[in-house]
Protein backbone atom coordinates (compact mmCIF):
# COMPACT_ATOMS: atom_id res chain seq x y z
CA MET A 1 0.00 0.00 0.00
CA ILE A 2 2.86 2.37 0.86
CA LEU A 3 4.59 1.64 -2.44
CA ILE A 4 1.41 2.19 -4.47
CA SER A 5 0.80 5.56 -2.79
CA LEU A 6 4.39 6.62 -3.43
CA TYR A 7 4.13 5.33 -7.01
CA PHE A 8 1.21 7.68 -7.69
CA LEU A 9 3.15 10.50 -6.05
CA GLY A 10 6.07 9.70 -8.37
CA ILE A 11 3.79 9.66 -11.42
CA VAL A 12 2.39 13.07 -10.50
CA ALA A 13 5.85 14.56 -9.90
CA GLU A 14 7.25 13.18 -13.17
CA SER A 15 4.17 14.35 -15.07
CA ILE A 16 4.65 17.87 -13.78
CA THR A 17 8.37 17.94 -14.64
CA GLY A 18 7.52 16.62 -18.10
CA ALA A 19 4.83 19.26 -18.63
CA ILE A 20 7.20 22.03 -17.55
CA ALA A 21 9.89 20.72 -19.94
CA ALA A 22 7.35 20.78 -22.77
CA GLY A 23 6.26 24.30 -21.81
CA LYS A 24 9.84 25.54 -21.95
CA HIS A 25 9.91 24.40 -25.59
CA LYS A 26 6.55 26.08 -26.36
CA MET A 27 4.77 22.84 -27.21
CA ASP A 28 1.02 22.68 -27.74
CA VAL A 29 -1.33 20.83 -25.40
CA PHE A 30 -0.85 17.53 -27.23
CA GLY A 31 2.91 17.93 -26.93
CA VAL A 32 2.61 18.63 -23.21
CA LEU A 33 0.51 15.49 -22.70
CA MET A 34 2.93 13.37 -24.73
CA ILE A 35 6.03 14.60 -22.91
CA SER A 36 4.33 14.20 -19.52
CA SER A 37 3.26 10.67 -20.41
CA VAL A 38 6.65 9.43 -21.56
CA THR A 39 8.32 11.04 -18.54
CA ALA A 40 5.97 9.45 -16.02
CA ILE A 41 5.27 6.01 -17.50
CA GLY A 42 7.72 5.66 -20.40
CA GLY A 43 10.36 3.87 -18.33
CA GLY A 44 7.91 1.32 -17.00
CA SER A 45 6.43 0.74 -20.46
CA LEU A 46 9.87 0.22 -21.98
CA ARG A 47 10.76 -2.21 -19.20
CA ASP A 48 7.59 -4.24 -19.73
CA MET A 49 8.17 -4.47 -23.49
CA ILE A 50 11.78 -5.58 -23.05
CA LEU A 51 10.93 -8.18 -20.41
CA GLY A 52 7.74 -9.35 -22.14
CA HIS A 53 5.74 -8.31 -19.08
CA TYR A 54 2.22 -7.82 -20.44
CA PRO A 55 -0.13 -6.09 -20.35
CA LEU A 56 1.74 -2.82 -19.91
CA GLY A 57 1.21 -1.18 -16.53
CA TRP A 58 -0.96 1.67 -17.81
CA VAL A 59 -2.97 -0.71 -20.01
CA LYS A 60 -3.73 -2.96 -17.03
CA HIS A 61 -4.32 0.06 -14.77
CA PRO A 62 -5.72 2.96 -16.88
CA ILE A 63 -5.77 5.10 -13.72
CA TYR A 64 -2.04 5.64 -14.29
CA ILE A 65 -2.54 7.42 -17.62
CA ILE A 66 -5.56 9.30 -16.23
CA THR A 67 -3.33 10.53 -13.38
CA VAL A 68 -0.76 11.74 -15.91
CA LEU A 69 -3.37 13.61 -17.95
CA VAL A 70 -4.93 15.27 -14.91
CA ALA A 71 -1.51 16.29 -13.54
CA SER A 72 -0.54 17.71 -16.94
CA PHE A 73 -3.67 19.84 -17.28
CA LEU A 74 -3.35 21.09 -13.71
CA THR A 75 0.26 22.04 -14.43
CA ILE A 76 -0.85 24.13 -17.41
CA ILE A 77 -3.55 25.84 -15.34
CA PHE A 78 -1.52 26.44 -12.18
CA ILE A 79 1.96 26.91 -13.63
CA PRO A 80 2.62 30.24 -11.81
CA PHE A 81 2.04 28.54 -8.45
CA ILE A 82 3.92 25.38 -9.42
CA LYS A 83 6.96 27.41 -10.51
CA SER A 84 7.02 29.09 -7.11
CA ILE A 85 7.33 25.71 -5.33
CA TYR A 86 9.29 23.89 -8.03
CA LYS A 87 12.10 22.94 -5.62
CA ILE A 88 9.66 20.59 -3.92
CA PHE A 89 9.41 18.60 -7.14
CA ILE A 90 13.16 18.03 -7.14
CA TYR A 91 12.66 16.09 -3.91
CA LEU A 92 9.58 14.32 -5.27
CA ASP A 93 11.55 13.40 -8.40
CA SER A 94 14.28 11.92 -6.21
CA LEU A 95 11.71 9.92 -4.27
CA GLY A 96 10.05 8.84 -7.50
CA LEU A 97 13.39 7.60 -8.84
CA VAL A 98 13.81 5.28 -5.87
CA VAL A 99 10.18 4.11 -5.99
CA PHE A 100 10.37 3.36 -9.71
CA SER A 101 13.66 1.53 -9.14
CA ILE A 102 12.07 -0.69 -6.50
CA ILE A 103 9.13 -1.44 -8.78
CA GLY A 104 11.45 -2.28 -11.67
CA THR A 105 13.40 -4.62 -9.43
CA LYS A 106 10.22 -6.28 -8.12
CA VAL A 107 8.88 -6.91 -11.64
CA ALA A 108 12.06 -8.72 -12.66
CA MET A 109 12.25 -10.49 -9.31
CA ASP A 110 8.67 -11.77 -9.61
CA MET A 111 9.58 -13.07 -13.08
CA LYS A 112 12.48 -14.93 -11.42
CA LEU A 113 15.07 -13.26 -13.63
CA SER A 114 18.78 -12.93 -12.86
CA LEU A 115 20.37 -10.32 -10.60
CA ILE A 116 21.79 -8.30 -13.49
CA VAL A 117 18.39 -8.20 -15.18
CA MET A 118 16.77 -7.03 -11.93
CA VAL A 119 19.22 -4.12 -11.72
CA ILE A 120 18.83 -3.23 -15.41
CA SER A 121 15.05 -3.38 -14.98
CA ALA A 122 15.35 -0.90 -12.10
CA VAL A 123 17.47 1.48 -14.16
CA ILE A 124 15.13 1.34 -17.15
CA THR A 125 12.08 1.94 -14.96
CA GLY A 126 13.63 4.74 -12.94
CA VAL A 127 15.62 6.56 -15.58
CA PHE A 128 14.40 6.07 -19.12
CA GLY A 129 11.24 8.15 -18.86
CA GLY A 130 13.52 11.15 -18.34
CA VAL A 131 15.82 10.01 -21.15
CA ILE A 132 12.92 9.88 -23.61
CA ARG A 133 11.69 13.27 -22.38
CA ASP A 134 15.07 14.91 -22.92
CA LEU A 135 15.50 13.34 -26.36
CA PHE A 136 12.05 14.56 -27.44
CA CYS A 137 13.01 18.02 -26.18
CA GLY A 138 16.30 17.96 -28.14
CA LYS A 139 18.57 17.81 -25.09
CA VAL A 140 21.37 15.53 -23.99
CA PRO A 141 19.66 13.37 -21.36
CA LEU A 142 20.48 14.42 -17.81
CA VAL A 143 21.33 10.85 -16.87
CA PHE A 144 24.21 10.84 -19.40
CA GLN A 145 25.80 13.88 -17.82
CA HIS A 146 27.91 14.40 -14.69
CA GLU A 147 25.26 13.55 -12.11
CA LEU A 148 24.42 10.58 -9.87
CA TYR A 149 21.04 9.52 -11.21
CA ALA A 150 21.21 6.09 -12.83
CA SER A 151 23.70 5.16 -10.12
CA VAL A 152 21.02 5.84 -7.51
CA ALA A 153 18.72 3.42 -9.35
CA VAL A 154 21.46 0.77 -9.23
CA ILE A 155 22.13 1.40 -5.53
CA SER A 156 18.41 1.30 -4.74
CA SER A 157 17.93 -1.93 -6.65
CA LEU A 158 20.84 -3.70 -4.92
CA THR A 159 19.76 -2.37 -1.52
CA TYR A 160 16.26 -3.73 -2.03
CA ILE A 161 17.49 -7.12 -3.28
CA ILE A 162 19.92 -7.55 -0.37
CA SER A 163 17.37 -6.32 2.19
CA THR A 164 14.81 -8.94 1.12
CA TYR A 165 17.20 -11.63 2.38
CA PHE A 166 17.15 -10.20 5.90
CA PHE A 167 13.79 -8.44 6.25
CA ASN A 168 10.21 -8.79 5.08
CA ASP A 169 9.20 -7.06 1.86
CA GLU A 170 7.72 -3.95 3.46
CA SER A 171 10.77 -3.39 5.67
CA ALA A 172 13.05 -3.90 2.66
CA MET A 173 11.08 -1.23 0.76
CA ILE A 174 11.33 1.26 3.63
CA ILE A 175 15.08 0.68 4.03
CA THR A 176 15.56 1.16 0.28
CA LEU A 177 13.38 4.26 0.12
CA ILE A 178 15.28 5.97 2.93
CA SER A 179 18.78 5.01 1.79
CA GLY A 180 18.17 5.71 -1.91
CA PHE A 181 16.52 9.06 -1.16
CA VAL A 182 19.39 10.12 1.12
CA VAL A 183 22.01 9.14 -1.48
CA ARG A 184 20.20 11.16 -4.16
CA LEU A 185 19.87 14.23 -1.92
CA LEU A 186 23.55 14.06 -0.95
CA ALA A 187 24.46 13.81 -4.63
CA LEU A 188 22.40 16.92 -5.35
CA LYS A 189 23.74 18.88 -2.38
CA TYR A 190 27.40 18.10 -2.97
CA LYS A 191 27.16 17.82 -6.78
CA LEU A 192 28.44 14.26 -6.74
CA GLY A 193 28.80 12.49 -10.05
CA LEU A 194 30.61 9.82 -11.99
CA PRO A 195 33.86 10.66 -13.82
CA TYR A 196 33.11 11.99 -17.27
CA PHE A 197 34.78 11.38 -20.60
CA LYS A 198 35.80 14.41 -22.63
CA VAL A 199 37.34 14.61 -26.08
CA ASP A 200 38.70 18.01 -27.20
């Protein structure tokens, strides 16, 4: 129940960040809805298609796409207010990253797939919605730049997997949520990132 509630919170946060990204590129309403949708549920959809996990999450649960559409329209209507509290959505995005990573891990785990596939599933679920958003907006995806983002998905996935050996599922989720969220916030505060490759 906790994970589902946080999942919806993550969907709303990602929808809003997607809508704002579309607005910065002066897209029409259809463009806003498309960018919001791929940001919020694109990673999970891509994961399901790669793993053969059907039906897709938003097909099985249409409430997900309805949530995206409602959040997108509310963003358009209340953008002056949302811009004034936008920093909050940075924290919600961080929380959403960890939640999506746990869900990606659980999907692969329930399918009894290997450890490496579980971790890759977490990364795809947590990160690739933002990758698709940035590509559609003509930007180099944030995850490919000097910032700990995909790494947080990997850390969250491994934390969850290891925790399930010692604790029940709910406790493992809580441990992962707290640790993954803290790592992401520390990365943001201290501008932590992976070494980058530069060619002059």
